[in-house]
Amino acid sequence: MRRLIGLLLITIVALVGCQSHTVQHAAPERLAEVADRGAEVMPFDLERTTHIFEKTESGGLQQVISDDGDAAQIELIRSHLAEEVERFSQGDFHDPQMIHGENMAGLHQLMMGYQNINLEYSDIENGAQILYTTDDAEMVTALHTWFDAQLSDHGPHAQPATQ
């Protein structure tokens, strides 16, 4: 009986873990709309980059990488994410709002609680990343919600870190 219960618990944990990495993409019309708006806001080519979102216990990690290693694209990614860190650290989330809309999940909470989030930019191979950390549980939830919204809206151009 113990063995059966243990096996059942392991199965449940595995299934829950698999579900947490499932991404429900937005409708094709929404994906096209976000891609069009993104082309106006992001200086790099969305079709040649991948956005990776990793949720952590204290926030999350956002990476943007060039799919083809093009030096010009990498520089555009790096300059854009460095600028976003500056803006976000001041509560300015205008760019995601322009791309995803003012009702983007998690965005309002981030705008209201930005001072409780630490942001750290760094270059990575073929791109750049932003590390978001906080001790505020509500901000962790807002970041995770915001990451999920981005994964949905960016469709095939984005993925959770586990893929």
N, C-alpha and C. Protein backbone atom coordinates (compact mmCIF):
# COMPACT_ATOMS: atom_id res chain seq x y z
N MET A 1 0.83 -1.19 0.00
CA MET A 1 0.00 0.00 0.00
C MET A 1 0.88 1.26 0.00
N ARG A 2 1.93 1.26 0.83
CA ARG A 2 2.84 2.42 0.85
C ARG A 2 3.46 2.65 -0.52
N ARG A 3 3.84 1.55 -1.15
CA ARG A 3 4.46 1.64 -2.46
C ARG A 3 3.48 2.25 -3.47
N LEU A 4 2.23 1.85 -3.41
CA LEU A 4 1.21 2.37 -4.30
C LEU A 4 0.97 3.86 -4.06
N ILE A 5 0.92 4.25 -2.81
CA ILE A 5 0.72 5.66 -2.47
C ILE A 5 1.93 6.48 -2.94
N GLY A 6 3.12 5.97 -2.72
CA GLY A 6 4.33 6.65 -3.17
C GLY A 6 4.35 6.82 -4.67
N LEU A 7 3.98 5.78 -5.39
CA LEU A 7 3.93 5.84 -6.85
C LEU A 7 2.88 6.84 -7.31
N LEU A 8 1.75 6.86 -6.64
CA LEU A 8 0.69 7.80 -6.97
C LEU A 8 1.16 9.24 -6.75
N LEU A 9 1.84 9.50 -5.64
CA LEU A 9 2.35 10.85 -5.36
C LEU A 9 3.38 11.28 -6.40
N ILE A 10 4.26 10.39 -6.76
CA ILE A 10 5.27 10.70 -7.79
C ILE A 10 4.59 11.03 -9.11
N THR A 11 3.57 10.27 -9.47
CA THR A 11 2.83 10.51 -10.71
C THR A 11 2.14 11.86 -10.69
N ILE A 12 1.52 12.20 -9.57
CA ILE A 12 0.83 13.49 -9.44
C ILE A 12 1.83 14.64 -9.56
N VAL A 13 2.96 14.53 -8.87
CA VAL A 13 3.98 15.58 -8.94
C VAL A 13 4.49 15.72 -10.38
N ALA A 14 4.71 14.62 -11.06
CA ALA A 14 5.19 14.67 -12.44
C ALA A 14 4.17 15.34 -13.36
N LEU A 15 2.90 14.99 -13.19
CA LEU A 15 1.86 15.59 -14.02
C LEU A 15 1.72 17.08 -13.75
N VAL A 16 1.77 17.48 -12.50
CA VAL A 16 1.69 18.90 -12.17
C VAL A 16 2.88 19.63 -12.75
N GLY A 17 4.05 19.05 -12.66
CA GLY A 17 5.26 19.66 -13.22
C GLY A 17 5.15 19.83 -14.72
N CYS A 18 4.59 18.85 -15.41
CA CYS A 18 4.42 18.96 -16.85
C CYS A 18 3.42 20.05 -17.20
N GLN A 19 2.34 20.14 -16.44
CA GLN A 19 1.34 21.16 -16.71
C GLN A 19 1.89 22.56 -16.54
N SER A 20 2.77 22.76 -15.58
CA SER A 20 3.28 24.10 -15.32
C SER A 20 4.12 24.63 -16.47
N HIS A 21 4.56 23.75 -17.39
CA HIS A 21 5.39 24.19 -18.50
C HIS A 21 4.59 24.25 -19.80
N THR A 22 3.31 23.92 -19.75
CA THR A 22 2.47 23.99 -20.93
C THR A 22 2.12 25.44 -21.19
N VAL A 23 2.31 25.86 -22.42
CA VAL A 23 2.02 27.24 -22.79
C VAL A 23 0.80 27.25 -23.70
N GLN A 24 -0.20 28.01 -23.31
CA GLN A 24 -1.38 28.19 -24.14
C GLN A 24 -1.16 29.44 -24.98
N HIS A 25 -0.92 29.27 -26.27
CA HIS A 25 -0.69 30.42 -27.13
C HIS A 25 -1.99 31.16 -27.40
N ALA A 26 -1.86 32.45 -27.59
CA ALA A 26 -3.01 33.29 -27.93
C ALA A 26 -3.52 32.89 -29.31
N ALA A 27 -4.71 33.37 -29.62
CA ALA A 27 -5.30 33.12 -30.93
C ALA A 27 -4.40 33.69 -32.03
N PRO A 28 -4.46 33.13 -33.22
CA PRO A 28 -3.59 33.61 -34.31
C PRO A 28 -3.71 35.12 -34.57
N GLU A 29 -4.93 35.66 -34.46
CA GLU A 29 -5.10 37.10 -34.67
C GLU A 29 -4.34 37.90 -33.62
N ARG A 30 -4.39 37.43 -32.38
CA ARG A 30 -3.69 38.10 -31.28
C ARG A 30 -2.17 38.01 -31.49
N LEU A 31 -1.68 36.84 -31.89
CA LEU A 31 -0.25 36.66 -32.14
C LEU A 31 0.23 37.63 -33.22
N ALA A 32 -0.55 37.77 -34.28
CA ALA A 32 -0.18 38.69 -35.36
C ALA A 32 -0.19 40.14 -34.87
N GLU A 33 -1.19 40.49 -34.09
CA GLU A 33 -1.29 41.85 -33.54
C GLU A 33 -0.09 42.17 -32.66
N VAL A 34 0.26 41.24 -31.79
CA VAL A 34 1.40 41.45 -30.89
C VAL A 34 2.70 41.52 -31.68
N ALA A 35 2.85 40.69 -32.69
CA ALA A 35 4.06 40.73 -33.52
C ALA A 35 4.18 42.07 -34.25
N ASP A 36 3.05 42.57 -34.76
CA ASP A 36 3.07 43.87 -35.45
C ASP A 36 3.46 44.99 -34.48
N ARG A 37 2.85 45.00 -33.31
CA ARG A 37 3.18 46.03 -32.32
C ARG A 37 4.62 45.88 -31.85
N GLY A 38 5.05 44.63 -31.67
CA GLY A 38 6.41 44.36 -31.23
C GLY A 38 7.44 44.90 -32.20
N ALA A 39 7.14 44.82 -33.50
CA ALA A 39 8.06 45.33 -34.52
C ALA A 39 8.23 46.84 -34.41
N GLU A 40 7.22 47.52 -33.87
CA GLU A 40 7.30 48.97 -33.69
C GLU A 40 8.09 49.35 -32.43
N VAL A 41 8.13 48.45 -31.45
CA VAL A 41 8.74 48.75 -30.15
C VAL A 41 10.13 48.13 -30.01
N MET A 42 10.26 46.89 -30.42
CA MET A 42 11.53 46.18 -30.28
C MET A 42 12.38 46.38 -31.52
N PRO A 43 13.63 46.79 -31.37
CA PRO A 43 14.46 47.10 -32.55
C PRO A 43 14.98 45.85 -33.27
N PHE A 44 14.94 44.71 -32.63
CA PHE A 44 15.45 43.48 -33.25
C PHE A 44 14.32 42.76 -33.98
N ASP A 45 14.69 41.79 -34.80
CA ASP A 45 13.74 41.03 -35.61
C ASP A 45 13.15 39.89 -34.79
N LEU A 46 11.86 39.98 -34.48
CA LEU A 46 11.19 38.96 -33.69
C LEU A 46 11.27 37.59 -34.34
N GLU A 47 11.25 37.56 -35.66
CA GLU A 47 11.32 36.28 -36.39
C GLU A 47 12.68 35.60 -36.26
N ARG A 48 13.69 36.36 -35.84
CA ARG A 48 15.05 35.81 -35.75
C ARG A 48 15.54 35.71 -34.31
N THR A 49 14.60 35.83 -33.36
CA THR A 49 14.96 35.78 -31.94
C THR A 49 14.01 34.87 -31.17
N THR A 50 14.46 34.47 -30.00
CA THR A 50 13.62 33.69 -29.09
C THR A 50 13.66 34.35 -27.73
N HIS A 51 12.47 34.50 -27.14
CA HIS A 51 12.34 35.03 -25.78
C HIS A 51 12.16 33.82 -24.86
N ILE A 52 12.96 33.77 -23.80
CA ILE A 52 12.89 32.65 -22.86
C ILE A 52 12.53 33.23 -21.49
N PHE A 53 11.54 32.62 -20.85
CA PHE A 53 11.08 33.08 -19.55
C PHE A 53 11.18 31.95 -18.54
N GLU A 54 11.92 32.20 -17.48
CA GLU A 54 12.10 31.21 -16.41
C GLU A 54 11.60 31.80 -15.10
N LYS A 55 10.58 31.18 -14.56
CA LYS A 55 10.06 31.61 -13.26
C LYS A 55 10.96 31.06 -12.17
N THR A 56 11.24 31.88 -11.17
CA THR A 56 12.04 31.44 -10.03
C THR A 56 11.26 31.73 -8.75
N GLU A 57 11.74 31.20 -7.65
CA GLU A 57 11.08 31.44 -6.36
C GLU A 57 11.07 32.91 -5.98
N SER A 58 12.07 33.65 -6.44
CA SER A 58 12.17 35.06 -6.07
C SER A 58 11.89 36.00 -7.24
N GLY A 59 11.30 35.51 -8.31
CA GLY A 59 10.99 36.36 -9.46
C GLY A 59 11.09 35.62 -10.76
N GLY A 60 12.11 35.97 -11.55
CA GLY A 60 12.26 35.28 -12.82
C GLY A 60 13.42 35.79 -13.63
N LEU A 61 13.68 35.08 -14.71
CA LEU A 61 14.76 35.40 -15.63
C LEU A 61 14.18 35.48 -17.03
N GLN A 62 14.40 36.60 -17.69
CA GLN A 62 13.96 36.81 -19.06
C GLN A 62 15.19 36.90 -19.95
N GLN A 63 15.22 36.09 -20.98
CA GLN A 63 16.34 36.11 -21.92
C GLN A 63 15.80 36.33 -23.33
N VAL A 64 16.56 37.05 -24.12
CA VAL A 64 16.28 37.18 -25.55
C VAL A 64 17.56 36.81 -26.26
N ILE A 65 17.46 35.85 -27.18
CA ILE A 65 18.64 35.39 -27.89
C ILE A 65 18.41 35.44 -29.39
N SER A 66 19.48 35.70 -30.11
CA SER A 66 19.45 35.67 -31.56
C SER A 66 19.48 34.21 -31.99
N ASP A 67 18.54 33.82 -32.85
CA ASP A 67 18.48 32.44 -33.32
C ASP A 67 19.61 32.11 -34.28
N ASP A 68 20.11 33.13 -35.00
CA ASP A 68 21.12 32.87 -36.01
C ASP A 68 22.51 33.43 -35.66
N GLY A 69 22.65 34.01 -34.44
CA GLY A 69 23.95 34.51 -33.99
C GLY A 69 24.42 35.76 -34.70
N ASP A 70 23.52 36.46 -35.39
CA ASP A 70 23.88 37.66 -36.12
C ASP A 70 24.33 38.76 -35.16
N ALA A 71 25.51 39.29 -35.38
CA ALA A 71 26.09 40.29 -34.47
C ALA A 71 25.23 41.54 -34.35
N ALA A 72 24.65 41.99 -35.46
CA ALA A 72 23.80 43.19 -35.41
C ALA A 72 22.55 42.94 -34.57
N GLN A 73 21.94 41.77 -34.74
CA GLN A 73 20.75 41.43 -33.93
C GLN A 73 21.11 41.34 -32.44
N ILE A 74 22.25 40.74 -32.15
CA ILE A 74 22.68 40.61 -30.76
C ILE A 74 22.86 41.98 -30.13
N GLU A 75 23.47 42.90 -30.85
CA GLU A 75 23.66 44.26 -30.32
C GLU A 75 22.31 44.95 -30.10
N LEU A 76 21.36 44.76 -31.02
CA LEU A 76 20.03 45.35 -30.86
C LEU A 76 19.31 44.77 -29.64
N ILE A 77 19.44 43.47 -29.44
CA ILE A 77 18.85 42.82 -28.26
C ILE A 77 19.44 43.41 -26.99
N ARG A 78 20.75 43.48 -26.95
CA ARG A 78 21.45 43.96 -25.75
C ARG A 78 21.09 45.40 -25.43
N SER A 79 21.09 46.27 -26.43
CA SER A 79 20.77 47.67 -26.15
C SER A 79 19.32 47.81 -25.70
N HIS A 80 18.42 47.06 -26.32
CA HIS A 80 17.00 47.16 -25.94
C HIS A 80 16.77 46.68 -24.50
N LEU A 81 17.32 45.53 -24.15
CA LEU A 81 17.10 45.02 -22.79
C LEU A 81 17.77 45.90 -21.75
N ALA A 82 18.93 46.45 -22.06
CA ALA A 82 19.59 47.38 -21.13
C ALA A 82 18.71 48.61 -20.90
N GLU A 83 18.12 49.12 -21.97
CA GLU A 83 17.20 50.26 -21.84
C GLU A 83 15.95 49.89 -21.05
N GLU A 84 15.44 48.69 -21.28
CA GLU A 84 14.25 48.25 -20.55
C GLU A 84 14.52 48.17 -19.04
N VAL A 85 15.69 47.72 -18.66
CA VAL A 85 16.04 47.67 -17.23
C VAL A 85 15.98 49.07 -16.64
N GLU A 86 16.52 50.03 -17.35
CA GLU A 86 16.49 51.42 -16.87
C GLU A 86 15.04 51.89 -16.71
N ARG A 87 14.22 51.61 -17.71
CA ARG A 87 12.82 52.04 -17.66
C ARG A 87 12.05 51.32 -16.55
N PHE A 88 12.16 50.00 -16.52
CA PHE A 88 11.41 49.21 -15.54
C PHE A 88 11.79 49.59 -14.12
N SER A 89 13.06 49.90 -13.89
CA SER A 89 13.51 50.26 -12.54
C SER A 89 12.93 51.58 -12.08
N GLN A 90 12.33 52.33 -13.01
CA GLN A 90 11.67 53.59 -12.68
C GLN A 90 10.14 53.46 -12.76
N GLY A 91 9.66 52.23 -12.95
CA GLY A 91 8.22 52.00 -13.05
C GLY A 91 7.65 52.25 -14.42
N ASP A 92 8.50 52.43 -15.42
CA ASP A 92 8.06 52.71 -16.78
C ASP A 92 7.97 51.40 -17.57
N PHE A 93 6.75 50.90 -17.70
CA PHE A 93 6.50 49.66 -18.44
C PHE A 93 5.75 49.98 -19.74
N HIS A 94 6.06 51.15 -20.31
CA HIS A 94 5.38 51.62 -21.52
C HIS A 94 5.54 50.63 -22.69
N ASP A 95 6.74 50.10 -22.88
CA ASP A 95 6.98 49.22 -24.02
C ASP A 95 6.11 47.96 -23.97
N PRO A 96 6.10 47.20 -22.84
CA PRO A 96 5.22 46.03 -22.82
C PRO A 96 3.74 46.42 -22.96
N GLN A 97 3.39 47.58 -22.43
CA GLN A 97 2.01 48.06 -22.54
C GLN A 97 1.67 48.34 -24.01
N MET A 98 2.60 48.91 -24.75
CA MET A 98 2.37 49.19 -26.17
C MET A 98 2.23 47.90 -26.98
N ILE A 99 3.01 46.90 -26.62
CA ILE A 99 2.98 45.64 -27.36
C ILE A 99 1.78 44.79 -26.98
N HIS A 100 1.54 44.64 -25.69
CA HIS A 100 0.54 43.69 -25.19
C HIS A 100 -0.78 44.32 -24.77
N GLY A 101 -0.81 45.64 -24.63
CA GLY A 101 -2.02 46.32 -24.20
C GLY A 101 -1.97 46.67 -22.73
N GLU A 102 -2.73 47.67 -22.35
CA GLU A 102 -2.69 48.15 -20.97
C GLU A 102 -3.31 47.18 -19.98
N ASN A 103 -4.07 46.21 -20.45
CA ASN A 103 -4.67 45.23 -19.55
C ASN A 103 -3.88 43.93 -19.49
N MET A 104 -2.63 43.97 -19.90
CA MET A 104 -1.79 42.78 -19.86
C MET A 104 -1.71 42.24 -18.43
N ALA A 105 -1.89 40.95 -18.29
CA ALA A 105 -1.88 40.30 -16.97
C ALA A 105 -0.56 40.58 -16.25
N GLY A 106 -0.66 41.02 -15.00
CA GLY A 106 0.49 41.27 -14.15
C GLY A 106 1.10 42.66 -14.31
N LEU A 107 0.81 43.34 -15.41
CA LEU A 107 1.47 44.61 -15.71
C LEU A 107 1.13 45.71 -14.71
N HIS A 108 -0.13 45.86 -14.37
CA HIS A 108 -0.53 46.91 -13.42
C HIS A 108 0.18 46.71 -12.07
N GLN A 109 0.24 45.47 -11.60
CA GLN A 109 0.90 45.19 -10.32
C GLN A 109 2.38 45.54 -10.39
N LEU A 110 3.02 45.25 -11.50
CA LEU A 110 4.44 45.58 -11.65
C LEU A 110 4.65 47.09 -11.66
N MET A 111 3.76 47.81 -12.33
CA MET A 111 3.87 49.26 -12.38
C MET A 111 3.69 49.87 -10.99
N MET A 112 2.80 49.29 -10.19
CA MET A 112 2.53 49.82 -8.86
C MET A 112 3.60 49.41 -7.84
N GLY A 113 4.23 48.27 -8.03
CA GLY A 113 5.18 47.77 -7.05
C GLY A 113 6.61 47.67 -7.54
N TYR A 114 6.93 48.40 -8.60
CA TYR A 114 8.26 48.29 -9.23
C TYR A 114 9.40 48.51 -8.26
N GLN A 115 9.19 49.36 -7.23
CA GLN A 115 10.28 49.66 -6.30
C GLN A 115 10.64 48.46 -5.43
N ASN A 116 9.80 47.42 -5.46
CA ASN A 116 10.07 46.20 -4.69
C ASN A 116 10.76 45.13 -5.52
N ILE A 117 11.13 45.48 -6.75
CA ILE A 117 11.76 44.51 -7.65
C ILE A 117 13.18 44.97 -7.97
N ASN A 118 14.13 44.08 -7.82
CA ASN A 118 15.51 44.34 -8.22
C ASN A 118 15.69 43.80 -9.63
N LEU A 119 16.32 44.60 -10.48
CA LEU A 119 16.56 44.22 -11.87
C LEU A 119 18.05 44.18 -12.13
N GLU A 120 18.48 43.14 -12.82
CA GLU A 120 19.90 43.00 -13.14
C GLU A 120 20.04 42.59 -14.60
N TYR A 121 20.66 43.45 -15.38
CA TYR A 121 20.91 43.18 -16.79
C TYR A 121 22.25 42.48 -16.94
N SER A 122 22.35 41.57 -17.91
CA SER A 122 23.66 41.02 -18.28
C SER A 122 23.63 40.49 -19.70
N ASP A 123 24.79 40.57 -20.34
CA ASP A 123 24.96 39.97 -21.66
C ASP A 123 25.05 38.46 -21.48
N ILE A 124 24.51 37.73 -22.45
CA ILE A 124 24.70 36.29 -22.52
C ILE A 124 25.09 35.95 -23.95
N GLU A 125 25.51 34.73 -24.17
CA GLU A 125 25.88 34.32 -25.52
C GLU A 125 24.69 34.53 -26.45
N ASN A 126 24.91 35.25 -27.52
CA ASN A 126 23.90 35.52 -28.55
C ASN A 126 22.73 36.38 -28.08
N GLY A 127 22.88 37.12 -26.97
CA GLY A 127 21.78 37.98 -26.54
C GLY A 127 22.02 38.63 -25.21
N ALA A 128 20.91 38.75 -24.46
CA ALA A 128 20.97 39.42 -23.15
C ALA A 128 19.87 38.87 -22.26
N GLN A 129 19.96 39.22 -20.97
CA GLN A 129 18.95 38.76 -20.03
C GLN A 129 18.71 39.80 -18.95
N ILE A 130 17.51 39.69 -18.36
CA ILE A 130 17.14 40.49 -17.20
C ILE A 130 16.74 39.53 -16.09
N LEU A 131 17.39 39.68 -14.94
CA LEU A 131 17.04 38.91 -13.76
C LEU A 131 16.17 39.80 -12.87
N TYR A 132 14.98 39.32 -12.56
CA TYR A 132 14.04 40.03 -11.69
C TYR A 132 14.02 39.30 -10.36
N THR A 133 14.31 40.00 -9.25
CA THR A 133 14.25 39.37 -7.93
C THR A 133 13.50 40.29 -6.98
N THR A 134 12.81 39.65 -6.03
CA THR A 134 12.05 40.39 -5.04
C THR A 134 11.78 39.50 -3.83
N ASP A 135 11.61 40.15 -2.69
CA ASP A 135 11.20 39.45 -1.47
C ASP A 135 9.69 39.53 -1.27
N ASP A 136 9.02 40.26 -2.14
CA ASP A 136 7.58 40.52 -2.04
C ASP A 136 6.81 39.43 -2.80
N ALA A 137 6.07 38.62 -2.08
CA ALA A 137 5.33 37.50 -2.69
C ALA A 137 4.35 37.98 -3.76
N GLU A 138 3.74 39.14 -3.56
CA GLU A 138 2.80 39.66 -4.56
C GLU A 138 3.52 40.03 -5.85
N MET A 139 4.74 40.52 -5.73
CA MET A 139 5.51 40.87 -6.92
C MET A 139 5.99 39.61 -7.65
N VAL A 140 6.33 38.57 -6.89
CA VAL A 140 6.70 37.29 -7.52
C VAL A 140 5.52 36.79 -8.34
N THR A 141 4.33 36.83 -7.76
CA THR A 141 3.13 36.39 -8.48
C THR A 141 2.89 37.25 -9.71
N ALA A 142 3.05 38.57 -9.57
CA ALA A 142 2.85 39.48 -10.71
C ALA A 142 3.86 39.17 -11.82
N LEU A 143 5.12 38.93 -11.46
CA LEU A 143 6.13 38.59 -12.46
C LEU A 143 5.79 37.28 -13.17
N HIS A 144 5.36 36.28 -12.41
CA HIS A 144 5.01 34.99 -13.01
C HIS A 144 3.81 35.14 -13.94
N THR A 145 2.83 35.92 -13.53
CA THR A 145 1.64 36.17 -14.35
C THR A 145 2.04 36.91 -15.63
N TRP A 146 2.92 37.88 -15.48
CA TRP A 146 3.41 38.67 -16.61
C TRP A 146 4.20 37.79 -17.58
N PHE A 147 5.03 36.91 -17.05
CA PHE A 147 5.78 35.97 -17.89
C PHE A 147 4.81 35.09 -18.68
N ASP A 148 3.78 34.56 -18.00
CA ASP A 148 2.79 33.71 -18.68
C ASP A 148 2.11 34.47 -19.82
N ALA A 149 1.77 35.74 -19.58
CA ALA A 149 1.12 36.54 -20.62
C ALA A 149 2.06 36.73 -21.81
N GLN A 150 3.33 36.93 -21.55
CA GLN A 150 4.28 37.10 -22.65
C GLN A 150 4.46 35.80 -23.42
N LEU A 151 4.52 34.69 -22.69
CA LEU A 151 4.64 33.40 -23.37
C LEU A 151 3.44 33.16 -24.28
N SER A 152 2.26 33.50 -23.82
CA SER A 152 1.05 33.33 -24.61
C SER A 152 1.06 34.25 -25.84
N ASP A 153 1.36 35.51 -25.62
CA ASP A 153 1.28 36.52 -26.68
C ASP A 153 2.38 36.42 -27.72
N HIS A 154 3.55 35.92 -27.34
CA HIS A 154 4.65 35.83 -28.30
C HIS A 154 4.67 34.49 -29.03
N GLY A 155 3.79 33.59 -28.64
CA GLY A 155 3.63 32.33 -29.36
C GLY A 155 4.92 31.61 -29.65
N PRO A 156 5.18 31.31 -30.92
CA PRO A 156 6.36 30.52 -31.27
C PRO A 156 7.68 31.25 -31.07
N HIS A 157 7.63 32.54 -30.78
CA HIS A 157 8.85 33.32 -30.55
C HIS A 157 9.29 33.30 -29.09
N ALA A 158 8.53 32.60 -28.25
CA ALA A 158 8.84 32.56 -26.81
C ALA A 158 8.68 31.15 -26.29
N GLN A 159 9.40 30.87 -25.21
CA GLN A 159 9.30 29.55 -24.58
C GLN A 159 9.70 29.64 -23.12
N PRO A 160 9.14 28.74 -22.30
CA PRO A 160 9.63 28.67 -20.93
C PRO A 160 11.04 28.10 -20.93
N ALA A 161 11.80 28.35 -19.90
CA ALA A 161 13.21 27.95 -19.85
C ALA A 161 13.41 26.45 -19.93
N THR A 162 12.41 25.66 -19.62
CA THR A 162 12.58 24.21 -19.58
C THR A 162 12.52 23.54 -20.93
N GLN A 163 12.17 24.27 -21.99
CA GLN A 163 12.07 23.64 -23.31
C GLN A 163 13.42 23.60 -23.99
